[in-house]
């Protein structure tokens, strides 16, 4: 697929990295020559220096025969104009725009498509905010993903000594809780992925991915580890787009404090947030944190625009007694360095955004795609079509399907009902399959397996 990416920032660079690895023909446009040189040195792609919304620059990038344009510059206006030009002048089939402003996001459905030719909108800030909210709801989790409109959740947790199931075989879940339906599609042990079986024994330190109905999540988590105290108090460092959105979403359910060093921003936040205590100050100020009783905080979220400030404030908060700390980190190299030490979770905005984009690029009727473990694995929600003659999966039981090694069908959504998959579960046309891919390299095989044969058309 020939794809043009507008913007070589964190989101654009991470997207380019993901797509180049899948043998797509990628061209990146940006005004910053240094960023483009860095990308070209690291990846097999083409770059064009220029303004992303100028027709001559888009033409130079090959817009006339491009399959997709993804506009992820820092400017909403540039992204919208670029999509309009790509649609009107170059007839690019698929156009995706990154939108940050609530003014644009709050417009009537269809307006951006009709007026600017935007097929799909992505909002990294909203994606990260939703991720943070789910992690606050499940403080023991490393990652929380929604499927089927939130009816099903995939959760990653670290198993610890003391969990009822740790040291036992997976099949004992059924004995402990005979009425509970859940599926464990993958376990990562010392960074090595395992497709578990009933006799697989969970060891302390394992990163366990399990999928269950939303209402069953707490019961399953109790099997894997000690349940932590319920979250009541949340402190947010940084009142920018993400910090403000998160506070607005959770302030009615939790006791929330926001710290920002900028007086103007702090005053604006105080006007916009009605149940949140807003403080002007430095989140790395030990005296301020102690004064605001940081030791009583259940969750501390470092969400400024500066990676180093986020790391330092999260480390300081943890050392001063905050129960769980989360840091927003843009540089992917930092994420692996800090997560799992004193910082409980490091979130990469770029990785949170890649998933929604991949759902537009994957072959097949994709509802959702989520990137896991910094892009090493994926989980897909895909609709299957056809019949027993035209499809390799419809009309067959899961045990009869020739799944690639490392792929697991974990659940099925059928007519809004959730079915946790077993070996003898029969796949029907129009089912939504939740497929876990242990390794990203097997995705093309999964896509080919789920495609409909020519007879269907």
Protein backbone atom coordinates (compact mmCIF):
# COMPACT_ATOMS: atom_id res chain seq x y z
CA UNK A 1 0.00 0.00 0.00
CA UNK A 2 1.31 3.46 -0.91
CA UNK A 3 0.86 5.77 2.09
CA UNK A 4 1.76 9.44 2.54
CA UNK A 5 2.30 10.60 6.14
CA UNK A 6 2.13 14.33 6.84
CA UNK A 7 4.22 15.22 9.88
CA UNK A 8 7.45 13.66 11.15
CA UNK A 9 6.80 14.25 14.85
CA UNK A 10 6.42 11.49 17.44
CA UNK A 11 3.11 10.22 16.03
CA UNK A 12 4.24 10.37 12.40
CA UNK A 13 7.61 8.73 13.13
CA UNK A 14 6.05 5.89 15.14
CA UNK A 15 3.43 5.32 12.46
CA UNK A 16 6.11 5.27 9.76
CA UNK A 17 8.10 2.73 11.76
CA UNK A 18 5.08 0.44 12.15
CA UNK A 19 4.08 0.63 8.49
CA UNK A 20 7.56 0.28 6.99
CA UNK A 21 7.97 -2.98 8.91
CA UNK A 22 4.96 -4.32 6.97
CA UNK A 23 6.44 -3.59 3.53
CA UNK A 24 4.29 -0.55 2.76
CA UNK A 25 5.57 2.17 0.44
CA UNK A 26 5.88 5.17 2.80
CA UNK A 27 6.55 8.84 2.04
CA UNK A 28 6.83 11.36 4.91
CA UNK A 29 6.37 15.13 4.46
CA UNK A 30 7.63 17.68 6.99
CA UNK A 31 9.17 21.17 7.08
CA UNK A 32 11.93 20.05 9.47
CA UNK A 33 14.84 18.69 7.40
CA UNK A 34 16.63 17.26 10.46
CA UNK A 35 13.62 15.11 11.39
CA UNK A 36 13.39 13.80 7.83
CA UNK A 37 17.10 12.92 7.69
CA UNK A 38 16.75 11.03 10.98
CA UNK A 39 13.80 9.04 9.63
CA UNK A 40 15.57 8.22 6.38
CA UNK A 41 18.65 7.02 8.25
CA UNK A 42 16.54 4.66 10.38
CA UNK A 43 13.94 3.34 7.94
CA UNK A 44 13.47 2.38 4.31
CA UNK A 45 11.17 5.22 3.27
CA UNK A 46 11.05 8.37 1.15
CA UNK A 47 10.89 11.92 2.50
CA UNK A 48 9.81 15.26 1.04
CA UNK A 49 10.60 18.59 2.68
CA UNK A 50 7.81 21.15 2.39
CA UNK A 51 4.46 22.37 3.69
CA UNK A 52 2.09 19.44 4.10
CA UNK A 53 -0.95 21.32 2.70
CA UNK A 54 0.68 22.66 -0.47
CA UNK A 55 -0.52 20.91 -3.66
CA UNK A 56 2.96 20.99 -5.24
CA UNK A 57 4.46 19.24 -2.21
CA UNK A 58 1.72 16.58 -2.18
CA UNK A 59 2.24 16.01 -5.90
CA UNK A 60 5.99 15.61 -5.36
CA UNK A 61 5.22 13.04 -2.65
CA UNK A 62 3.19 10.98 -5.14
CA UNK A 63 -0.36 11.88 -4.10
CA UNK A 64 -1.64 11.17 -7.63
CA UNK A 65 -1.31 7.42 -7.13
CA UNK A 66 -1.33 7.15 -3.31
CA UNK A 67 -3.71 4.74 -1.56
CA UNK A 68 -3.90 6.66 1.70
CA UNK A 69 -2.99 10.01 3.24
CA UNK A 70 -2.51 10.29 7.00
CA UNK A 71 -2.27 13.90 8.21
CA UNK A 72 -0.72 13.97 11.68
CA UNK A 73 0.99 17.38 11.84
CA UNK A 74 0.66 19.52 14.98
CA UNK A 75 -1.82 21.82 13.19
CA UNK A 76 -5.49 20.81 12.87
CA UNK A 77 -5.96 23.36 10.11
CA UNK A 78 -3.05 21.99 8.07
CA UNK A 79 -4.37 18.45 8.46
CA UNK A 80 -7.87 19.43 7.33
CA UNK A 81 -6.72 21.45 4.33
CA UNK A 82 -4.35 18.65 3.27
CA UNK A 83 -7.20 16.13 3.35
CA UNK A 84 -9.38 18.46 1.28
CA UNK A 85 -6.67 18.90 -1.35
CA UNK A 86 -5.89 15.16 -1.39
CA UNK A 87 -9.59 14.46 -2.00
CA UNK A 88 -10.34 17.19 -4.54
CA UNK A 89 -7.14 17.45 -6.57
CA UNK A 90 -5.62 13.98 -6.26
CA UNK A 91 -8.57 11.70 -5.46
CA UNK A 92 -6.64 9.84 -2.75
CA UNK A 93 -9.00 6.97 -1.74
CA UNK A 94 -8.52 7.17 2.07
CA UNK A 95 -7.81 10.34 4.05
CA UNK A 96 -7.23 10.37 7.83
CA UNK A 97 -6.70 13.52 9.91
CA UNK A 98 -5.32 14.05 13.38
CA UNK A 99 -7.56 16.52 15.25
CA UNK A 100 -6.64 17.99 18.64
CA UNK A 101 -9.15 20.81 19.16
CA UNK A 102 -12.50 20.08 20.80
CA UNK A 103 -13.99 22.78 18.55
CA UNK A 104 -13.46 20.50 15.55
CA UNK A 105 -14.12 17.24 17.39
CA UNK A 106 -17.45 18.60 18.66
CA UNK A 107 -18.84 19.37 15.20
CA UNK A 108 -21.82 17.46 13.84
CA UNK A 109 -21.05 13.97 12.49
CA UNK A 110 -20.31 14.14 8.80
CA UNK A 111 -19.24 17.80 8.70
CA UNK A 112 -15.51 17.07 8.37
CA UNK A 113 -16.21 14.41 5.76
CA UNK A 114 -18.44 16.68 3.67
CA UNK A 115 -16.44 19.89 3.96
CA UNK A 116 -12.86 18.63 4.20
CA UNK A 117 -12.93 15.12 2.73
CA UNK A 118 -11.85 13.48 5.99
CA UNK A 119 -12.72 9.77 6.08
CA UNK A 120 -11.58 9.18 9.65
CA UNK A 121 -10.47 11.33 12.57
CA UNK A 122 -7.88 10.37 15.17
CA UNK A 123 -7.22 12.26 18.39
CA UNK A 124 -4.04 11.16 20.22
CA UNK A 125 -4.97 13.26 23.24
CA UNK A 126 -8.36 11.55 23.55
CA UNK A 127 -6.83 8.10 23.00
CA UNK A 128 -4.33 8.71 25.82
CA UNK A 129 -7.04 10.14 28.09
CA UNK A 130 -9.21 7.05 27.58
CA UNK A 131 -6.21 4.82 28.28
CA UNK A 132 -5.47 6.66 31.53
CA UNK A 133 -9.11 6.50 32.66
CA UNK A 134 -9.20 2.71 32.16
CA UNK A 135 -5.93 2.30 34.08
CA UNK A 136 -7.35 4.30 36.98
CA UNK A 137 -10.46 2.08 36.94
CA UNK A 138 -8.19 -1.00 37.10
CA UNK A 139 -5.12 0.11 39.08
CA UNK A 140 -3.57 -3.39 39.08
CA UNK A 141 -3.45 -3.50 35.26
CA UNK A 142 -0.57 -2.71 32.91
CA UNK A 143 -2.87 -2.24 29.92
CA UNK A 144 -6.66 -2.16 29.45
CA UNK A 145 -8.33 -2.39 26.02
CA UNK A 146 -12.03 -2.25 25.11
CA UNK A 147 -13.80 -4.28 22.42
CA UNK A 148 -17.39 -4.55 21.26
CA UNK A 149 -18.18 -1.07 22.55
CA UNK A 150 -16.77 -1.83 26.00
CA UNK A 151 -18.61 -5.12 26.57
CA UNK A 152 -15.34 -7.07 26.45
CA UNK A 153 -11.99 -6.04 27.91
CA UNK A 154 -8.49 -7.35 27.36
CA UNK A 155 -6.30 -6.67 30.39
CA UNK A 156 -2.60 -7.23 31.00
CA UNK A 157 -1.52 -7.81 34.60
CA UNK A 158 1.72 -8.79 36.29
CA UNK A 159 1.29 -11.92 38.41
CA UNK A 160 2.70 -11.77 41.93
CA UNK A 161 3.30 -14.13 44.82
CA UNK A 162 0.06 -14.44 46.73
CA UNK A 163 -2.35 -14.62 43.79
CA UNK A 164 -4.60 -17.70 44.14
CA UNK A 165 -3.74 -18.98 40.64
CA UNK A 166 0.01 -18.23 40.69
CA UNK A 167 1.90 -21.51 40.75
CA UNK A 168 -1.12 -23.42 39.43
CA UNK A 169 -2.37 -24.54 36.03
CA UNK A 170 -4.68 -22.28 34.03
CA UNK A 171 -7.41 -24.90 33.91
CA UNK A 172 -7.89 -24.38 37.65
CA UNK A 173 -9.65 -21.06 36.92
CA UNK A 174 -12.67 -23.11 35.89
CA UNK A 175 -12.54 -25.09 39.13
CA UNK A 176 -12.24 -21.94 41.25
CA UNK A 177 -15.01 -20.11 39.40
CA UNK A 178 -17.17 -22.53 37.38
CA UNK A 179 -19.62 -19.78 36.35
CA UNK A 180 -16.92 -17.39 35.08
CA UNK A 181 -16.00 -17.27 31.39
CA UNK A 182 -12.56 -15.87 30.53
CA UNK A 183 -9.73 -16.58 28.10
CA UNK A 184 -5.98 -16.11 28.51
CA UNK A 185 -4.69 -15.78 24.93
CA UNK A 186 -1.08 -14.98 25.80
CA UNK A 187 1.52 -14.91 28.56
CA UNK A 188 4.84 -13.07 28.34
CA UNK A 189 7.56 -14.60 30.49
CA UNK A 190 10.92 -12.82 30.57
CA UNK A 191 9.82 -10.99 27.37
CA UNK A 192 9.15 -14.27 25.57
CA UNK A 193 5.59 -14.84 24.33
CA UNK A 194 3.74 -18.06 25.14
CA UNK A 195 0.41 -19.31 23.75
CA UNK A 196 -0.89 -20.94 26.94
CA UNK A 197 -2.70 -24.26 27.30
CA UNK A 198 -4.81 -25.59 30.15
CA UNK A 199 -1.76 -27.18 31.78
CA UNK A 200 0.36 -24.00 31.57
CA UNK A 201 1.49 -22.91 35.05
CA UNK A 202 1.49 -19.17 35.85
CA UNK A 203 4.76 -18.05 37.42
CA UNK A 204 5.42 -14.95 39.54
CA UNK A 205 6.44 -12.06 37.28
CA UNK A 206 4.49 -13.31 34.24
CA UNK A 207 2.72 -10.65 32.17
CA UNK A 208 -0.68 -12.26 31.68
CA UNK A 209 -3.21 -11.10 29.07
CA UNK A 210 -6.77 -12.16 29.78
CA UNK A 211 -10.04 -11.37 28.06
CA UNK A 212 -13.44 -11.39 29.75
CA UNK A 213 -16.75 -9.59 29.90
CA UNK A 214 -16.39 -6.20 31.54
CA UNK A 215 -18.39 -7.21 34.61
CA UNK A 216 -16.21 -10.31 35.18
CA UNK A 217 -12.85 -8.47 35.15
CA UNK A 218 -12.52 -7.94 38.96
CA UNK A 219 -13.14 -11.63 39.67
CA UNK A 220 -10.48 -12.77 37.20
CA UNK A 221 -7.94 -10.24 38.51
CA UNK A 222 -8.39 -11.57 42.04
CA UNK A 223 -7.24 -14.96 40.76
CA UNK A 224 -4.00 -13.59 39.37
CA UNK A 225 -2.79 -11.21 42.08
CA UNK A 226 -3.54 -9.50 45.33
CA UNK A 227 -6.24 -6.88 44.81
CA UNK A 228 -5.04 -3.39 45.58
CA UNK A 229 -7.07 -0.78 47.39
CA UNK A 230 -9.79 1.03 45.48
CA UNK A 231 -8.68 4.29 43.89
CA UNK A 232 -10.11 7.37 45.60
CA UNK A 233 -7.47 10.09 45.23
CA UNK A 234 -5.75 11.08 41.97
CA UNK A 235 -3.11 13.76 41.44
CA UNK A 236 -2.33 15.03 37.93
CA UNK A 237 0.87 16.89 37.08
CA UNK A 238 0.31 19.03 34.00
CA UNK A 239 -2.82 20.91 32.96
CA UNK A 240 -2.37 20.67 29.21
CA UNK A 241 -4.74 18.97 26.77
CA UNK A 242 -4.43 15.50 28.30
CA UNK A 243 -4.33 16.57 31.96
CA UNK A 244 -7.39 18.79 31.53
CA UNK A 245 -9.34 16.11 29.63
CA UNK A 246 -8.53 13.45 32.21
CA UNK A 247 -9.53 15.66 35.14
CA UNK A 248 -12.81 16.54 33.44
CA UNK A 249 -13.60 12.86 32.83
CA UNK A 250 -12.85 11.56 36.32
CA UNK A 251 -13.52 14.49 38.69
CA UNK A 252 -17.04 13.32 39.58
CA UNK A 253 -15.82 9.84 40.57
CA UNK A 254 -12.52 10.62 42.31
CA UNK A 255 -10.90 13.24 44.54
CA UNK A 256 -8.73 15.01 41.93
CA UNK A 257 -5.88 17.53 42.24
CA UNK A 258 -4.11 19.13 39.25
CA UNK A 259 -0.73 20.88 39.45
CA UNK A 260 0.49 23.21 36.69
CA UNK A 261 3.39 25.67 36.77
CA UNK A 262 1.70 28.19 34.48
CA UNK A 263 -0.50 30.75 36.27
CA UNK A 264 -2.65 31.47 33.20
CA UNK A 265 -3.27 27.75 32.59
CA UNK A 266 -4.05 27.18 36.27
CA UNK A 267 -6.64 29.98 36.29
CA UNK A 268 -8.27 28.61 33.14
CA UNK A 269 -8.41 25.11 34.62
CA UNK A 270 -10.00 26.44 37.80
CA UNK A 271 -12.76 27.99 35.68
CA UNK A 272 -13.35 24.87 33.54
CA UNK A 273 -13.15 22.17 36.24
CA UNK A 274 -15.88 22.19 38.86
CA UNK A 275 -14.90 19.37 41.24
CA UNK A 276 -11.09 19.51 40.96
CA UNK A 277 -8.58 21.33 43.16
CA UNK A 278 -6.18 23.25 40.87
CA UNK A 279 -2.75 24.20 42.19
CA UNK A 280 -0.13 26.44 40.62
CA UNK A 281 3.34 25.06 41.19
CA UNK A 282 6.09 22.67 40.11
CA UNK A 283 5.29 18.95 40.31
CA UNK A 284 8.97 18.27 41.06
CA UNK A 285 8.80 20.53 44.14
CA UNK A 286 9.18 18.16 47.08
CA UNK A 287 7.79 20.69 49.55
CA UNK A 288 4.63 21.22 47.46
CA UNK A 289 4.03 17.48 47.09
CA UNK A 290 4.44 16.94 50.80
CA UNK A 291 2.13 19.88 51.56
CA UNK A 292 -0.54 18.32 49.31
CA UNK A 293 -0.16 14.97 51.07
CA UNK A 294 1.30 13.02 48.16
CA UNK A 295 1.61 9.91 50.36
CA UNK A 296 -2.18 9.58 50.43
CA UNK A 297 -2.53 9.55 46.62
CA UNK A 298 -3.71 6.30 45.08
CA UNK A 299 -2.60 7.33 41.57
CA UNK A 300 -0.16 10.04 40.45
CA UNK A 301 -0.21 10.89 36.70
CA UNK A 302 2.71 12.91 35.25
CA UNK A 303 1.25 14.39 32.05
CA UNK A 304 3.32 17.47 31.16
CA UNK A 305 4.86 18.00 27.70
CA UNK A 306 8.36 17.33 29.04
CA UNK A 307 9.52 13.69 29.30
CA UNK A 308 12.26 14.44 31.82
CA UNK A 309 9.88 16.39 34.08
CA UNK A 310 7.37 13.54 33.92
CA UNK A 311 9.99 10.96 34.83
CA UNK A 312 11.41 13.03 37.69
CA UNK A 313 8.03 13.99 39.17
CA UNK A 314 6.77 10.39 38.94
CA UNK A 315 9.93 9.06 40.64
CA UNK A 316 9.66 11.70 43.35
CA UNK A 317 5.95 11.00 43.93
CA UNK A 318 6.64 7.27 44.22
CA UNK A 319 9.50 7.80 46.63
CA UNK A 320 7.31 10.09 48.78
CA UNK A 321 4.58 7.46 49.10
CA UNK A 322 2.19 7.70 46.12
CA UNK A 323 0.75 4.21 45.69
CA UNK A 324 0.87 3.98 41.88
CA UNK A 325 2.55 6.35 39.41
CA UNK A 326 2.01 6.75 35.65
CA UNK A 327 4.26 8.82 33.38
CA UNK A 328 3.48 10.11 29.89
CA UNK A 329 6.63 9.64 27.79
CA UNK A 330 6.96 10.67 24.15
CA UNK A 331 10.37 9.18 23.42
CA UNK A 332 9.88 5.47 22.85
CA UNK A 333 13.43 4.67 24.01
CA UNK A 334 12.57 6.05 27.46
CA UNK A 335 9.42 3.91 27.80
CA UNK A 336 11.29 0.60 28.02
CA UNK A 337 13.89 2.11 30.35
CA UNK A 338 11.53 3.33 33.05
CA UNK A 339 8.46 1.06 33.04
CA UNK A 340 8.38 -1.66 35.65
CA UNK A 341 10.88 0.00 37.99
CA UNK A 342 9.77 2.70 40.39
CA UNK A 343 7.47 4.03 37.67
CA UNK A 344 4.59 1.56 37.41
CA UNK A 345 3.38 2.45 33.89
CA UNK A 346 4.91 4.53 31.10
CA UNK A 347 2.49 5.56 28.35
CA UNK A 348 3.58 6.47 24.83
CA UNK A 349 1.06 8.78 23.08
CA UNK A 350 2.33 7.65 19.70
CA UNK A 351 1.74 3.96 20.49
CA UNK A 352 -1.76 4.75 21.77
CA UNK A 353 -2.51 6.38 18.41
CA UNK A 354 -1.02 3.74 16.11
CA UNK A 355 -3.79 1.20 16.85
CA UNK A 356 -6.71 3.23 15.44
CA UNK A 357 -4.65 3.97 12.33
CA UNK A 358 -3.75 0.31 11.82
CA UNK A 359 -7.44 -0.60 11.74
CA UNK A 360 -7.74 1.48 8.54
CA UNK A 361 -4.70 -0.13 6.96
CA UNK A 362 -5.25 -3.79 7.78
CA UNK A 363 -6.85 -5.96 5.09
CA UNK A 364 -10.30 -7.23 5.98
CA UNK A 365 -13.31 -5.76 7.77
CA UNK A 366 -11.46 -4.43 10.82
CA UNK A 367 -13.47 -2.87 13.65
CA UNK A 368 -10.50 -2.21 15.93
CA UNK A 369 -6.76 -2.86 16.12
CA UNK A 370 -4.71 -2.44 19.28
CA UNK A 371 -0.93 -2.45 19.45
CA UNK A 372 0.54 -4.31 22.44
CA UNK A 373 3.95 -4.40 24.11
CA UNK A 374 5.26 -1.34 22.26
CA UNK A 375 4.15 -2.70 18.88
CA UNK A 376 5.50 -6.25 19.21
CA UNK A 377 2.03 -7.84 19.30
CA UNK A 378 -1.51 -6.94 18.21
CA UNK A 379 -5.09 -7.79 18.99
CA UNK A 380 -7.75 -7.37 16.30
CA UNK A 381 -11.53 -7.15 16.23
CA UNK A 382 -12.51 -8.30 12.74
CA UNK A 383 -15.85 -9.16 11.10
CA UNK A 384 -15.90 -12.39 9.07
CA UNK A 385 -18.06 -12.74 5.95
CA UNK A 386 -18.97 -15.42 3.44
CA UNK A 387 -19.92 -19.05 3.97
CA UNK A 388 -18.28 -22.46 4.29
CA UNK A 389 -17.34 -22.42 0.58
CA UNK A 390 -15.87 -18.92 0.34
CA UNK A 391 -14.34 -18.51 3.82
CA UNK A 392 -11.61 -20.44 5.63
CA UNK A 393 -13.24 -19.76 9.02
CA UNK A 394 -17.03 -19.43 8.61
CA UNK A 395 -18.89 -22.68 9.26
CA UNK A 396 -15.89 -24.21 11.04
CA UNK A 397 -15.10 -24.91 14.66
CA UNK A 398 -12.03 -23.14 16.04
CA UNK A 399 -10.13 -26.43 16.32
CA UNK A 400 -10.66 -26.93 12.56
CA UNK A 401 -9.20 -23.54 11.60
CA UNK A 402 -5.57 -23.48 10.45
CA UNK A 403 -4.47 -20.56 12.63
CA UNK A 404 -0.84 -19.40 12.29
CA UNK A 405 1.41 -20.28 15.23
CA UNK A 406 1.04 -17.51 17.80
CA UNK A 407 -2.53 -16.54 16.81
CA UNK A 408 -5.52 -17.16 19.06
CA UNK A 409 -9.25 -16.52 18.63
CA UNK A 410 -10.09 -15.39 22.16
CA UNK A 411 -13.74 -14.30 21.88
CA UNK A 412 -16.65 -13.84 19.49
CA UNK A 413 -19.29 -11.10 19.47
CA UNK A 414 -22.48 -12.34 17.84
CA UNK A 415 -25.64 -10.21 17.71
CA UNK A 416 -24.27 -8.11 20.60
CA UNK A 417 -23.72 -11.24 22.71
CA UNK A 418 -20.23 -12.10 23.98
CA UNK A 419 -19.02 -15.68 23.50
CA UNK A 420 -15.69 -16.62 25.11
CA UNK A 421 -14.10 -18.90 22.52
CA UNK A 422 -13.32 -22.59 23.08
CA UNK A 423 -11.90 -25.25 20.76
CA UNK A 424 -15.35 -26.44 19.68
CA UNK A 425 -16.94 -22.98 19.15
CA UNK A 426 -18.50 -22.68 15.69
CA UNK A 427 -17.80 -19.51 13.67
CA UNK A 428 -20.78 -17.97 11.87
CA UNK A 429 -20.99 -15.32 9.14
CA UNK A 430 -20.90 -11.72 10.43
CA UNK A 431 -19.30 -12.77 13.73
CA UNK A 432 -16.85 -10.30 15.25
CA UNK A 433 -13.70 -12.25 16.15
CA UNK A 434 -11.24 -11.01 18.78
CA UNK A 435 -7.91 -12.35 17.49
CA UNK A 436 -4.67 -12.13 19.50
CA UNK A 437 -1.42 -12.16 17.50
CA UNK A 438 1.55 -12.96 19.72
CA UNK A 439 3.95 -11.61 17.12
CA UNK A 440 3.28 -8.83 14.64
CA UNK A 441 5.03 -10.81 11.86
CA UNK A 442 2.13 -13.26 11.63
CA UNK A 443 -0.46 -10.51 10.93
CA UNK A 444 -0.32 -10.99 7.09
CA UNK A 445 -1.10 -14.70 7.57
CA UNK A 446 -4.04 -13.84 9.84
CA UNK A 447 -5.36 -11.33 7.30
CA UNK A 448 -5.11 -13.88 4.48
CA UNK A 449 -6.90 -16.51 6.57
CA UNK A 450 -9.83 -14.18 7.26
CA UNK A 451 -10.26 -12.95 3.68
CA UNK A 452 -13.29 -14.04 1.65
CA UNK A 453 -12.72 -16.09 -1.53
CA UNK A 454 -13.81 -14.82 -4.97
CA UNK A 455 -16.89 -17.03 -4.89
CA UNK A 456 -18.41 -14.73 -2.29
CA UNK A 457 -18.61 -11.87 -4.79
